[in-house]
Amino acid sequence: MPMEIKVLSPELITDSLLEKINNLRCQLDPDLTPINKEELKKLSEQPHVRLFLAFRDKALVGMLTSGFFHFPSRKKMFIEDVVVDEPFRRQGIGRELSKVAIALVEELAVETIDLTSTPDRLAAHSLYESLGFEKRDTHVYRLKAGRKK
């Protein structure tokens, strides 16, 4: 089946697409609250963020978000929220989404691409390593906004 990858834009946003995106988001994290049309529109209008959507036969089957920023140390891209719909996994969709994001390196003149993956996602680790990503010896820290010590 041929696959088409599109970048989310305001004109693509429909109730149906919103429902499918929320379904994929639940597969990333069942505790996420659904995103609404206005939030999705704002996301699509951010100049340094791209939400790539993978379609097969006009059905949304996967997505990947990239964000790119110019820090004092270097221009960096981050890949986040990579998810392929459960019935379509292991069919190369995550690979194709990743390749489209990686192809932005030259266009955006970024020097590094970073992503994180939880330890239990072994298939994802194999995919990222096959694309040239190297595991870094680092710690990821997160502060959840609104939480007090």
C-alpha atoms as a PDB file:
ATOM      1  CA  MET A   1       0.000   0.000   0.000  1.00  0.00           C
ATOM      2  CA  PRO A   2       1.409   3.414  -0.879  1.00  0.00           C
ATOM      3  CA  MET A   3       1.969   5.838   1.958  1.00  0.00           C
ATOM      4  CA  GLU A   4       1.719   9.613   1.895  1.00  0.00           C
ATOM      5  CA  ILE A   5       3.335  11.849   4.498  1.00  0.00           C
ATOM      6  CA  LYS A   6       1.957  15.341   5.029  1.00  0.00           C
ATOM      7  CA  VAL A   7       2.856  18.163   7.389  1.00  0.00           C
ATOM      8  CA  LEU A   8      -0.099  19.241   9.502  1.00  0.00           C
ATOM      9  CA  SER A   9      -1.502  22.572   8.342  1.00  0.00           C
ATOM     10  CA  PRO A  10      -4.668  24.405   9.429  1.00  0.00           C
ATOM     11  CA  GLU A  11      -6.501  23.424   6.240  1.00  0.00           C
ATOM     12  CA  LEU A  12      -5.979  19.709   6.967  1.00  0.00           C
ATOM     13  CA  ILE A  13      -7.688  19.882  10.356  1.00  0.00           C
ATOM     14  CA  THR A  14     -11.108  18.221  10.404  1.00  0.00           C
ATOM     15  CA  ASP A  15     -13.131  16.568  13.139  1.00  0.00           C
ATOM     16  CA  SER A  16     -12.171  13.196  11.680  1.00  0.00           C
ATOM     17  CA  LEU A  17      -8.435  13.963  11.650  1.00  0.00           C
ATOM     18  CA  LEU A  18      -8.641  15.352  15.182  1.00  0.00           C
ATOM     19  CA  GLU A  19     -10.237  12.097  16.363  1.00  0.00           C
ATOM     20  CA  LYS A  20      -7.538  10.020  14.674  1.00  0.00           C
ATOM     21  CA  ILE A  21      -4.726  12.159  16.116  1.00  0.00           C
ATOM     22  CA  ASN A  22      -6.228  11.782  19.592  1.00  0.00           C
ATOM     23  CA  ASN A  23      -6.398   8.020  19.059  1.00  0.00           C
ATOM     24  CA  LEU A  24      -2.676   7.960  18.241  1.00  0.00           C
ATOM     25  CA  ARG A  25      -1.913  10.207  21.221  1.00  0.00           C
ATOM     26  CA  CYS A  26      -3.707   7.693  23.496  1.00  0.00           C
ATOM     27  CA  GLN A  27      -1.416   4.983  22.144  1.00  0.00           C
ATOM     28  CA  LEU A  28       1.549   7.132  23.179  1.00  0.00           C
ATOM     29  CA  ASP A  29       0.156   7.768  26.642  1.00  0.00           C
ATOM     30  CA  PRO A  30      -3.334   6.709  27.757  1.00  0.00           C
ATOM     31  CA  ASP A  31      -3.311   9.458  30.397  1.00  0.00           C
ATOM     32  CA  LEU A  32      -3.115  12.319  27.884  1.00  0.00           C
ATOM     33  CA  THR A  33      -6.176  14.521  27.719  1.00  0.00           C
ATOM     34  CA  PRO A  34      -7.526  14.916  24.180  1.00  0.00           C
ATOM     35  CA  ILE A  35      -6.247  17.832  22.147  1.00  0.00           C
ATOM     36  CA  ASN A  36      -8.918  20.106  20.655  1.00  0.00           C
ATOM     37  CA  LYS A  37      -9.122  21.752  17.231  1.00  0.00           C
ATOM     38  CA  GLU A  38      -7.840  25.118  18.464  1.00  0.00           C
ATOM     39  CA  GLU A  39      -4.782  23.549  20.128  1.00  0.00           C
ATOM     40  CA  LEU A  40      -4.089  21.509  17.006  1.00  0.00           C
ATOM     41  CA  LYS A  41      -4.386  24.635  14.853  1.00  0.00           C
ATOM     42  CA  LYS A  42      -1.925  26.493  17.128  1.00  0.00           C
ATOM     43  CA  LEU A  43       0.462  23.543  16.913  1.00  0.00           C
ATOM     44  CA  SER A  44       0.294  23.600  13.112  1.00  0.00           C
ATOM     45  CA  GLU A  45       1.102  27.321  13.036  1.00  0.00           C
ATOM     46  CA  GLN A  46       4.274  27.145  15.147  1.00  0.00           C
ATOM     47  CA  PRO A  47       7.182  28.013  12.841  1.00  0.00           C
ATOM     48  CA  HIS A  48       9.669  25.690  14.548  1.00  0.00           C
ATOM     49  CA  VAL A  49       7.436  22.648  14.921  1.00  0.00           C
ATOM     50  CA  ARG A  50       6.263  20.182  12.298  1.00  0.00           C
ATOM     51  CA  LEU A  51       3.781  17.409  12.888  1.00  0.00           C
ATOM     52  CA  PHE A  52       4.266  14.796  10.176  1.00  0.00           C
ATOM     53  CA  LEU A  53       1.240  12.628   9.437  1.00  0.00           C
ATOM     54  CA  ALA A  54       1.474   9.284   7.632  1.00  0.00           C
ATOM     55  CA  PHE A  55      -1.548   8.191   5.611  1.00  0.00           C
ATOM     56  CA  ARG A  56      -2.351   4.893   3.907  1.00  0.00           C
ATOM     57  CA  ASP A  57      -5.440   4.899   1.719  1.00  0.00           C
ATOM     58  CA  LYS A  58      -6.369   8.266   3.284  1.00  0.00           C
ATOM     59  CA  ALA A  59      -6.338   6.741   6.788  1.00  0.00           C
ATOM     60  CA  LEU A  60      -3.993   8.250   9.394  1.00  0.00           C
ATOM     61  CA  VAL A  61      -1.620   5.467  10.441  1.00  0.00           C
ATOM     62  CA  GLY A  62       1.221   7.306  12.195  1.00  0.00           C
ATOM     63  CA  MET A  63       2.723  10.617  13.242  1.00  0.00           C
ATOM     64  CA  LEU A  64       5.972  12.195  14.363  1.00  0.00           C
ATOM     65  CA  THR A  65       6.676  15.665  15.715  1.00  0.00           C
ATOM     66  CA  SER A  66       9.905  17.565  15.117  1.00  0.00           C
ATOM     67  CA  GLY A  67      10.977  20.811  16.703  1.00  0.00           C
ATOM     68  CA  PHE A  68      14.054  22.778  15.768  1.00  0.00           C
ATOM     69  CA  PHE A  69      15.764  25.528  17.698  1.00  0.00           C
ATOM     70  CA  HIS A  70      18.881  27.667  17.581  1.00  0.00           C
ATOM     71  CA  PHE A  71      20.593  27.434  20.957  1.00  0.00           C
ATOM     72  CA  PRO A  72      23.858  29.203  21.855  1.00  0.00           C
ATOM     73  CA  SER A  73      25.704  25.887  21.490  1.00  0.00           C
ATOM     74  CA  ARG A  74      24.233  24.757  18.148  1.00  0.00           C
ATOM     75  CA  LYS A  75      21.128  24.370  16.041  1.00  0.00           C
ATOM     76  CA  LYS A  76      19.245  21.302  17.238  1.00  0.00           C
ATOM     77  CA  MET A  77      16.234  19.297  16.224  1.00  0.00           C
ATOM     78  CA  PHE A  78      14.184  17.191  18.582  1.00  0.00           C
ATOM     79  CA  ILE A  79      11.978  14.318  17.513  1.00  0.00           C
ATOM     80  CA  GLU A  80       9.042  13.582  19.804  1.00  0.00           C
ATOM     81  CA  ASP A  81       5.770  11.703  19.880  1.00  0.00           C
ATOM     82  CA  VAL A  82       6.596   9.058  17.280  1.00  0.00           C
ATOM     83  CA  VAL A  83       3.655   6.670  17.103  1.00  0.00           C
ATOM     84  CA  VAL A  84       2.279   4.223  14.569  1.00  0.00           C
ATOM     85  CA  ASP A  85      -1.247   2.881  14.905  1.00  0.00           C
ATOM     86  CA  GLU A  86      -1.113  -0.600  16.459  1.00  0.00           C
ATOM     87  CA  PRO A  87      -2.392  -2.579  13.423  1.00  0.00           C
ATOM     88  CA  PHE A  88       0.175  -0.888  11.150  1.00  0.00           C
ATOM     89  CA  ARG A  89       3.318  -1.378  13.222  1.00  0.00           C
ATOM     90  CA  ARG A  90       6.386  -3.141  11.795  1.00  0.00           C
ATOM     91  CA  GLN A  91       5.522  -2.038   8.273  1.00  0.00           C
ATOM     92  CA  GLY A  92       8.164   0.692   7.875  1.00  0.00           C
ATOM     93  CA  ILE A  93       5.900   3.628   8.726  1.00  0.00           C
ATOM     94  CA  GLY A  94       8.004   4.811  11.684  1.00  0.00           C
ATOM     95  CA  ARG A  95      11.109   4.526   9.499  1.00  0.00           C
ATOM     96  CA  GLU A  96       9.576   6.648   6.716  1.00  0.00           C
ATOM     97  CA  LEU A  97       8.358   9.286   9.154  1.00  0.00           C
ATOM     98  CA  SER A  98      11.826   9.437  10.732  1.00  0.00           C
ATOM     99  CA  LYS A  99      13.535   9.723   7.339  1.00  0.00           C
ATOM    100  CA  VAL A 100      11.317  12.680   6.393  1.00  0.00           C
ATOM    101  CA  ALA A 101      12.236  14.451   9.637  1.00  0.00           C
ATOM    102  CA  ILE A 102      15.939  13.625   9.236  1.00  0.00           C
ATOM    103  CA  ALA A 103      15.846  15.062   5.710  1.00  0.00           C
ATOM    104  CA  LEU A 104      15.212  18.492   7.266  1.00  0.00           C
ATOM    105  CA  VAL A 105      18.796  18.598   8.569  1.00  0.00           C
ATOM    106  CA  GLU A 106      20.157  20.299   5.471  1.00  0.00           C
ATOM    107  CA  GLU A 107      17.171  22.583   4.907  1.00  0.00           C
ATOM    108  CA  LEU A 108      17.268  23.834   8.499  1.00  0.00           C
ATOM    109  CA  ALA A 109      21.053  23.626   8.936  1.00  0.00           C
ATOM    110  CA  VAL A 110      20.684  21.761  12.232  1.00  0.00           C
ATOM    111  CA  GLU A 111      23.760  20.067  13.646  1.00  0.00           C
ATOM    112  CA  THR A 112      22.169  17.405  15.829  1.00  0.00           C
ATOM    113  CA  ILE A 113      18.893  15.561  16.197  1.00  0.00           C
ATOM    114  CA  ASP A 114      17.939  14.276  19.622  1.00  0.00           C
ATOM    115  CA  LEU A 115      15.154  11.977  20.675  1.00  0.00           C
ATOM    116  CA  THR A 116      14.298   9.963  23.730  1.00  0.00           C
ATOM    117  CA  SER A 117      12.763   6.519  23.996  1.00  0.00           C
ATOM    118  CA  THR A 118      11.675   4.564  27.019  1.00  0.00           C
ATOM    119  CA  PRO A 119      13.789   1.484  27.846  1.00  0.00           C
ATOM    120  CA  ASP A 120      11.022  -0.994  26.984  1.00  0.00           C
ATOM    121  CA  ARG A 121      10.623   0.156  23.349  1.00  0.00           C
ATOM    122  CA  LEU A 122      13.201  -2.240  21.915  1.00  0.00           C
ATOM    123  CA  ALA A 123      11.834  -2.170  18.355  1.00  0.00           C
ATOM    124  CA  ALA A 124      12.034   1.629  18.369  1.00  0.00           C
ATOM    125  CA  HIS A 125      15.641   1.470  19.617  1.00  0.00           C
ATOM    126  CA  SER A 126      16.574  -0.827  16.733  1.00  0.00           C
ATOM    127  CA  LEU A 127      14.885   1.520  14.273  1.00  0.00           C
ATOM    128  CA  TYR A 128      16.688   4.605  15.582  1.00  0.00           C
ATOM    129  CA  GLU A 129      20.066   2.858  15.614  1.00  0.00           C
ATOM    130  CA  SER A 130      19.518   1.628  12.039  1.00  0.00           C
ATOM    131  CA  LEU A 131      18.935   5.259  11.028  1.00  0.00           C
ATOM    132  CA  GLY A 132      22.273   6.316  12.528  1.00  0.00           C
ATOM    133  CA  PHE A 133      21.228   7.526  15.975  1.00  0.00           C
ATOM    134  CA  GLU A 134      23.654   6.704  18.750  1.00  0.00           C
ATOM    135  CA  LYS A 135      22.723   6.080  22.350  1.00  0.00           C
ATOM    136  CA  ARG A 136      24.072   8.849  24.537  1.00  0.00           C
ATOM    137  CA  ASP A 137      25.313   8.477  28.072  1.00  0.00           C
ATOM    138  CA  THR A 138      23.145  11.138  29.608  1.00  0.00           C
ATOM    139  CA  HIS A 139      20.341  11.597  32.091  1.00  0.00           C
ATOM    140  CA  VAL A 140      17.044  13.149  31.138  1.00  0.00           C
ATOM    141  CA  TYR A 141      15.485  15.321  33.796  1.00  0.00           C
ATOM    142  CA  ARG A 142      11.956  16.643  33.769  1.00  0.00           C
ATOM    143  CA  LEU A 143      10.196  19.158  35.947  1.00  0.00           C
ATOM    144  CA  LYS A 144       6.436  19.026  35.658  1.00  0.00           C
ATOM    145  CA  ALA A 145       5.007  22.521  35.669  1.00  0.00           C
ATOM    146  CA  GLY A 146       2.737  23.358  38.549  1.00  0.00           C
ATOM    147  CA  ARG A 147       4.255  20.895  40.972  1.00  0.00           C
ATOM    148  CA  LYS A 148       5.662  22.259  44.187  1.00  0.00           C
ATOM    149  CA  LYS A 149       8.582  20.789  46.109  1.00  0.00           C
END
